[in-house]
Amino acid sequence: MDICHPHNLAHPRQAGERRFGIRLTLPPGDTFTRILGPDWAVLHWYTSAAARDAALAELMARHRFSRSGDRPTYRYEKVARDDRGNVLAADTGS
């Protein structure tokens, strides 16, 4: 998807093919599924496994402005695209 005003992006788009990703989903029974639906998912793509892994570590870290008892309930999954663009579960051994 093209961005109408790329200067509004928090992080500039990376040059190159983005084949390494992170899929965020909600666990069954999460209260946000009432709003987003039980099949809600979002994908974030990166040009390298290292960039993806760094972003995943940042996503999973405690947000510095969170309240003491706040615990995000996202489920994170490393994914990758094959040569045809199909999304596959990535090897999480890295």
Protein backbone atom coordinates (compact mmCIF):
# COMPACT_ATOMS: atom_id res chain seq x y z
CA MET A 1 0.00 0.00 0.00
CA ASP A 2 1.38 3.39 -0.93
CA ILE A 3 1.48 6.16 1.62
CA CYS A 4 -0.01 9.48 0.51
CA HIS A 5 2.30 11.54 2.72
CA PRO A 6 5.46 9.52 3.48
CA HIS A 7 6.87 12.37 5.57
CA ASN A 8 4.21 11.50 8.19
CA LEU A 9 5.71 8.07 8.84
CA ALA A 10 7.33 7.63 12.24
CA HIS A 11 10.16 5.71 10.58
CA PRO A 12 11.06 6.17 6.91
CA ARG A 13 10.39 3.20 4.67
CA GLN A 14 13.34 0.91 4.17
CA ALA A 15 14.74 0.44 0.69
CA GLY A 16 14.79 -3.08 -0.64
CA GLU A 17 12.55 -6.09 -0.48
CA ARG A 18 10.90 -6.68 2.88
CA ARG A 19 10.67 -10.45 3.34
CA PHE A 20 10.98 -10.83 7.13
CA GLY A 21 8.00 -10.02 9.29
CA ILE A 22 6.15 -10.09 12.58
CA ARG A 23 2.50 -11.14 12.80
CA LEU A 24 0.58 -9.71 15.76
CA THR A 25 -2.64 -11.44 16.83
CA LEU A 26 -4.83 -11.52 19.91
CA PRO A 27 -5.25 -14.61 22.10
CA PRO A 28 -8.67 -16.28 22.17
CA GLY A 29 -10.97 -14.59 24.67
CA ASP A 30 -9.09 -11.27 24.65
CA THR A 31 -11.56 -8.44 25.25
CA PHE A 32 -10.28 -6.51 22.22
CA THR A 33 -11.64 -9.28 19.98
CA ARG A 34 -15.09 -7.81 20.70
CA ILE A 35 -13.95 -4.69 18.83
CA LEU A 36 -11.42 -6.03 16.33
CA GLY A 37 -12.89 -9.49 15.72
CA PRO A 38 -11.44 -12.91 16.53
CA ASP A 39 -9.40 -13.10 13.30
CA TRP A 40 -7.66 -9.71 13.68
CA ALA A 41 -4.00 -9.72 12.73
CA VAL A 42 -1.45 -7.18 11.55
CA LEU A 43 1.87 -7.78 9.78
CA HIS A 44 5.01 -5.62 10.01
CA TRP A 45 7.71 -6.23 7.37
CA TYR A 46 11.51 -5.73 7.46
CA THR A 47 14.41 -6.11 5.00
CA SER A 48 16.43 -8.47 7.20
CA ALA A 49 15.95 -11.02 9.94
CA ALA A 50 18.16 -8.90 12.21
CA ALA A 51 15.96 -5.82 11.72
CA ARG A 52 12.87 -7.94 12.37
CA ASP A 53 14.36 -9.43 15.53
CA ALA A 54 15.35 -5.98 16.84
CA ALA A 55 11.83 -4.69 16.19
CA LEU A 56 10.35 -7.75 17.90
CA ALA A 57 12.49 -7.16 20.98
CA GLU A 58 11.28 -3.55 21.07
CA LEU A 59 7.64 -4.60 20.65
CA MET A 60 7.90 -7.16 23.44
CA ALA A 61 9.67 -4.80 25.86
CA ARG A 62 7.67 -3.05 28.55
CA HIS A 63 6.48 0.30 27.26
CA ARG A 64 8.06 3.02 29.39
CA PHE A 65 4.77 4.90 29.80
CA SER A 66 2.73 1.83 30.82
CA ARG A 67 1.10 1.64 34.22
CA SER A 68 2.47 -0.89 36.72
CA GLY A 69 -0.18 -3.56 36.10
CA ASP A 70 -0.47 -3.15 32.31
CA ARG A 71 0.39 -6.31 30.39
CA PRO A 72 -0.07 -6.32 26.60
CA THR A 73 -1.76 -9.48 25.38
CA TYR A 74 -0.54 -9.52 21.78
CA ARG A 75 0.79 -12.77 20.43
CA TYR A 76 3.92 -12.36 18.31
CA GLU A 77 4.99 -14.69 15.52
CA LYS A 78 8.04 -14.40 13.30
CA VAL A 79 7.07 -14.84 9.65
CA ALA A 80 8.78 -14.62 6.27
CA ARG A 81 7.75 -14.42 2.63
CA ASP A 82 8.85 -17.06 0.16
CA ASP A 83 9.85 -16.27 -3.45
CA ARG A 84 6.16 -16.21 -4.47
CA GLY A 85 5.16 -13.80 -1.69
CA ASN A 86 3.42 -16.43 0.44
CA VAL A 87 3.60 -15.76 4.18
CA LEU A 88 5.20 -18.64 6.10
CA ALA A 89 5.97 -19.15 9.76
CA ALA A 90 9.65 -18.32 10.24
CA ASP A 91 12.24 -20.39 12.01
CA THR A 92 12.21 -19.06 15.56
CA GLY A 93 15.53 -20.70 16.40
CA SER A 94 17.48 -17.51 15.67
